[in-house]
Protein backbone atom coordinates (compact mmCIF):
# COMPACT_ATOMS: atom_id res chain seq x y z
CA MET A 1 -12.91 14.12 49.00
CA CYS A 2 -15.77 14.59 51.75
CA GLY A 3 -13.70 15.05 55.51
CA ARG A 4 -16.94 16.71 57.16
CA ALA A 5 -19.86 17.56 57.87
CA TYR A 6 -23.20 18.57 60.02
CA GLN A 7 -26.06 17.05 61.09
CA THR A 8 -29.00 19.09 63.06
CA PHE A 9 -31.51 16.15 63.09
CA THR A 10 -33.71 14.56 65.56
CA GLU A 11 -33.85 10.55 65.97
CA ASP A 12 -37.95 11.49 65.48
CA GLU A 13 -36.61 13.20 61.96
CA LEU A 14 -34.71 10.44 60.65
CA ALA A 15 -37.13 7.44 61.20
CA LEU A 16 -40.07 9.66 59.31
CA ARG A 17 -37.42 9.70 56.89
CA TYR A 18 -36.03 6.86 56.32
CA LEU A 19 -37.70 3.93 58.47
CA THR A 20 -40.34 1.80 57.19
CA GLU A 21 -43.32 1.07 60.11
CA ARG A 22 -42.00 -2.19 61.49
CA SER A 23 -38.34 -1.09 61.49
CA LYS A 24 -39.72 1.88 63.88
CA ARG A 25 -41.18 -0.40 66.20
CA ARG A 26 -37.29 -1.06 67.02
CA PRO A 27 -35.54 1.30 69.58
CA ILE A 28 -33.74 4.23 68.45
CA PRO A 29 -30.48 4.70 69.07
CA PRO A 30 -30.34 8.35 70.63
CA ILE A 31 -28.77 11.05 67.81
CA LYS A 32 -27.32 14.57 69.19
CA PHE A 33 -26.76 16.81 66.65
CA ASN A 34 -24.08 17.20 65.40
CA PHE A 35 -22.09 20.54 63.48
CA ASN A 36 -18.81 19.50 62.91
CA LEU A 37 -18.62 15.54 62.02
CA ALA A 38 -15.17 14.36 61.61
CA PRO A 39 -13.43 10.96 60.52
CA THR A 40 -13.23 9.03 63.68
CA GLN A 41 -16.57 9.99 65.53
CA ILE A 42 -19.64 8.21 65.46
CA SER A 43 -22.14 8.86 63.06
CA PRO A 44 -25.26 7.51 62.12
CA ILE A 45 -25.91 4.93 59.35
CA ILE A 46 -28.82 3.54 57.38
CA LEU A 47 -28.65 0.32 56.52
CA VAL A 48 -30.63 -3.13 56.06
CA GLN A 49 -30.50 -5.44 58.40
CA ASP A 50 -32.57 -8.58 58.95
CA GLY A 51 -34.57 -7.65 55.82
CA ASP A 52 -35.43 -4.34 57.49
CA ARG A 53 -33.73 -0.86 57.65
CA ARG A 54 -32.50 0.59 60.67
CA ILE A 55 -30.39 3.47 62.50
CA GLY A 56 -26.82 2.61 62.96
CA LEU A 57 -24.07 3.79 65.25
CA PHE A 58 -21.03 3.85 62.87
CA ARG A 59 -17.08 5.40 62.85
CA TRP A 60 -16.48 6.92 60.65
CA GLY A 61 -13.62 5.25 58.79
CA ILE A 62 -13.42 2.12 57.43
CA ILE A 63 -11.48 -0.15 59.51
CA PRO A 64 -11.53 -2.90 56.05
CA PHE A 65 -11.35 -7.20 57.29
CA TRP A 66 -8.21 -7.36 57.15
CA ALA A 67 -7.06 -4.77 58.77
CA LYS A 68 -5.05 -6.15 62.06
CA ASP A 69 -6.16 -3.36 64.47
CA VAL A 70 -7.70 0.23 64.11
CA GLN A 71 -4.33 1.89 64.95
CA SER A 72 -3.25 0.88 61.36
CA ALA A 73 -6.00 0.62 59.36
CA SER A 74 -6.48 4.33 60.09
CA LYS A 75 -2.83 5.36 58.31
CA TYR A 76 -4.53 4.50 55.23
CA SER A 77 -7.22 7.05 55.68
CA LEU A 78 -10.03 4.87 54.50
CA ILE A 79 -13.26 8.24 55.28
CA ASN A 80 -13.72 8.13 51.35
CA ALA A 81 -14.07 6.21 48.87
CA LYS A 82 -13.17 7.01 45.21
CA SER A 83 -16.42 5.87 42.93
CA GLU A 84 -14.09 5.47 40.25
CA GLU A 85 -11.64 2.98 42.18
CA ILE A 86 -14.84 1.50 44.30
CA THR A 87 -14.90 -2.08 42.90
CA GLU A 88 -10.57 -2.63 42.24
CA LYS A 89 -9.69 -1.78 46.24
CA ARG A 90 -10.05 -4.59 48.28
CA SER A 91 -10.75 -2.57 51.23
CA TYR A 92 -14.23 -1.76 49.77
CA LYS A 93 -14.98 -4.16 47.18
CA VAL A 94 -16.91 -6.39 49.13
CA PRO A 95 -18.62 -3.67 50.97
CA PHE A 96 -19.84 -2.42 47.40
CA GLN A 97 -22.15 -5.63 46.65
CA LYS A 98 -23.77 -6.45 49.33
CA GLN A 99 -22.91 -3.54 52.44
CA ARG A 100 -24.32 0.12 51.37
CA CYS A 101 -25.71 2.43 53.33
CA ILE A 102 -26.97 5.69 53.88
CA VAL A 103 -24.76 8.46 56.08
CA PRO A 104 -27.97 11.12 56.83
CA VAL A 105 -26.22 14.88 56.70
CA SER A 106 -27.90 18.11 57.09
CA GLY A 107 -25.29 19.11 54.42
CA PHE A 108 -20.68 19.07 54.52
CA PHE A 109 -18.41 21.28 54.44
CA GLU A 110 -15.67 21.59 51.66
CA TRP A 111 -12.44 24.09 51.86
CA LYS A 112 -11.42 26.64 48.68
CA LYS A 113 -8.37 27.78 47.63
CA SER A 114 -8.16 30.72 46.84
CA GLY A 115 -4.16 32.00 46.73
CA VAL A 116 -4.38 32.64 50.65
CA SER A 117 -3.38 30.08 53.48
CA PRO A 118 -5.81 29.41 54.76
CA LYS A 119 -8.37 28.19 52.67
CA SER A 120 -12.06 29.28 53.15
CA PRO A 121 -14.52 26.52 54.07
CA PHE A 122 -18.03 26.15 52.85
CA ALA A 123 -20.59 25.22 53.87
CA ILE A 124 -22.84 23.14 51.28
CA GLN A 125 -26.31 22.07 52.29
CA ALA A 126 -29.94 21.02 49.18
CA LYS A 127 -32.11 24.40 49.41
CA ASP A 128 -35.35 22.99 50.84
CA HIS A 129 -32.63 22.41 54.07
CA SER A 130 -33.80 18.80 53.19
CA ILE A 131 -31.50 16.11 54.59
CA LEU A 132 -28.91 14.44 52.48
CA SER A 133 -28.40 11.16 51.20
CA MET A 134 -25.34 10.43 51.08
CA ALA A 135 -23.95 7.44 49.30
CA GLY A 136 -21.68 5.00 51.63
CA ILE A 137 -20.62 1.43 52.33
CA TRP A 138 -20.30 -0.43 56.30
CA GLU A 139 -17.83 -2.42 57.40
CA HIS A 140 -18.04 -4.81 60.29
CA TRP A 141 -14.32 -5.42 61.48
CA LYS A 142 -13.38 -8.27 64.83
CA SER A 143 -10.07 -8.82 66.26
CA LYS A 144 -7.96 -11.62 66.36
CA ASP A 145 -6.90 -11.43 69.22
CA SER A 146 -8.73 -9.75 71.83
CA GLU A 147 -13.12 -8.82 71.83
CA GLU A 148 -12.77 -5.12 70.07
CA GLU A 149 -14.98 -4.95 67.66
CA VAL A 150 -15.84 -1.91 65.20
CA TRP A 151 -18.82 -1.11 63.02
CA SER A 152 -18.14 1.74 60.41
CA PHE A 153 -18.36 3.41 57.57
CA SER A 154 -17.33 5.30 54.58
CA ILE A 155 -18.35 8.22 51.96
CA ILE A 156 -18.19 7.07 48.15
CA THR A 157 -16.93 10.62 46.32
CA THR A 158 -17.29 11.25 42.16
CA SER A 159 -16.46 14.30 39.86
CA PRO A 160 -17.90 17.66 41.29
CA ASN A 161 -21.30 19.24 39.85
CA SER A 162 -21.21 22.95 38.93
CA VAL A 163 -21.85 24.26 42.52
CA ILE A 164 -19.56 22.58 44.44
CA LYS A 165 -16.05 22.83 41.21
CA LYS A 166 -15.70 26.43 42.18
CA ILE A 167 -14.84 25.13 45.40
CA HIS A 168 -13.92 21.92 45.21
CA ASP A 169 -13.10 18.95 42.60
CA ARG A 170 -14.81 15.91 44.77
CA MET A 171 -17.93 15.78 45.56
CA PRO A 172 -20.28 13.13 47.37
CA VAL A 173 -22.60 11.11 45.97
CA ILE A 174 -25.75 12.26 47.31
CA LEU A 175 -28.54 10.17 45.84
CA GLU A 176 -32.09 10.47 44.89
CA PRO A 177 -35.07 9.20 47.20
CA SER A 178 -35.69 6.60 43.93
CA GLU A 179 -32.15 4.94 44.17
CA GLU A 180 -32.35 4.70 48.06
CA ALA A 181 -34.31 1.54 47.94
CA GLN A 182 -32.32 -0.69 45.48
CA TRP A 183 -29.51 1.19 46.96
CA LEU A 184 -29.74 -0.35 50.28
CA ASN A 185 -31.06 -4.15 49.37
CA PRO A 186 -28.68 -6.30 49.61
CA GLU A 187 -30.03 -8.90 47.45
CA ASN A 188 -29.42 -5.91 44.96
CA GLN A 189 -25.77 -7.19 43.96
CA ASN A 190 -25.81 -6.00 39.68
CA VAL A 191 -22.52 -3.99 40.33
CA ILE A 192 -22.85 -2.25 36.94
CA ALA A 193 -26.55 -0.84 38.08
CA LEU A 194 -25.41 -0.29 41.15
CA LYS A 195 -22.08 2.32 39.57
CA LYS A 196 -24.60 4.28 37.38
CA ALA A 197 -25.88 5.88 40.82
CA LEU A 198 -22.74 6.99 40.89
CA LYS A 199 -22.67 9.67 39.80
CA PRO A 200 -22.87 13.73 41.28
CA CYS A 201 -26.32 14.87 41.81
CA PRO A 202 -28.24 17.83 40.04
CA ASP A 203 -27.25 21.67 40.25
CA SER A 204 -30.35 22.64 41.12
CA LEU A 205 -30.23 20.18 45.02
CA LEU A 206 -27.77 22.38 46.05
CA GLU A 207 -26.52 25.90 47.26
CA ALA A 208 -23.14 26.69 49.11
CA TYR A 209 -22.10 29.84 51.54
CA GLU A 210 -18.64 31.14 53.02
CA VAL A 211 -18.22 29.71 57.10
CA SER A 212 -15.44 30.66 59.59
CA THR A 213 -12.54 29.51 59.34
CA LEU A 214 -13.74 27.97 63.39
CA VAL A 215 -14.13 24.14 61.49
CA ASN A 216 -11.42 23.72 60.47
CA SER A 217 -10.97 22.27 64.40
CA PRO A 218 -13.17 19.91 64.51
CA LYS A 219 -12.95 20.81 68.64
CA ASN A 220 -15.64 23.34 67.49
CA ASN A 221 -18.61 22.11 67.65
CA ARG A 222 -21.04 24.44 68.10
CA LYS A 223 -24.27 26.09 66.00
CA GLU A 224 -21.96 29.16 65.26
CA ILE A 225 -19.86 27.15 62.27
CA LEU A 226 -22.98 27.55 60.51
CA GLU A 227 -23.69 31.57 60.57
CA PRO A 228 -22.69 32.68 57.48
CA LEU A 229 -19.62 34.57 56.98
CA ASP A 230 -20.07 38.06 56.91
């Protein structure tokens, strides 16, 4: 699974990486560094609405359309969507067809079982420290009983490449730049073609290093979390 990540980029860097010239003219929400992004927190995502790309601030953990309320949906832990099940689960099927997004991160964390407690946390990032484009799906939930509404997302996971396999048995789907346009295009509803993108990224893209157990608590949100363990 992917249950923690970090984002150390500015809104200008995000806009330069993902937005078109037209979409850059729209207001861009302020983005703060998040060294320990956890489920239920708000994260920037990239999506297409009204025919163009935009940056939205969405809740991590999909609230499906059928949920009675946010609390009941949270019981199902819908922070990750398994690629193998994404066309079968009713929480993910429709979003996968036409509500796809990119979750931009500077890196993510996974915990390695080592026969001791606690597990050993690792930070995983691009070797060139570029922004990673995690494949995601989004949903807009609106209460039937009040005016409450929530925009949310889930990260799609797949089997691990050889870098991640040493640490964990799942990894997020990381899109290649050449795949991003078709992934974001809501008019592209070719499920067979889209599922081909749900694969482990090349081993050469990533590097991993052990960090301290400070990352275990979402309350710890500071740059020291990213320092390599001595």
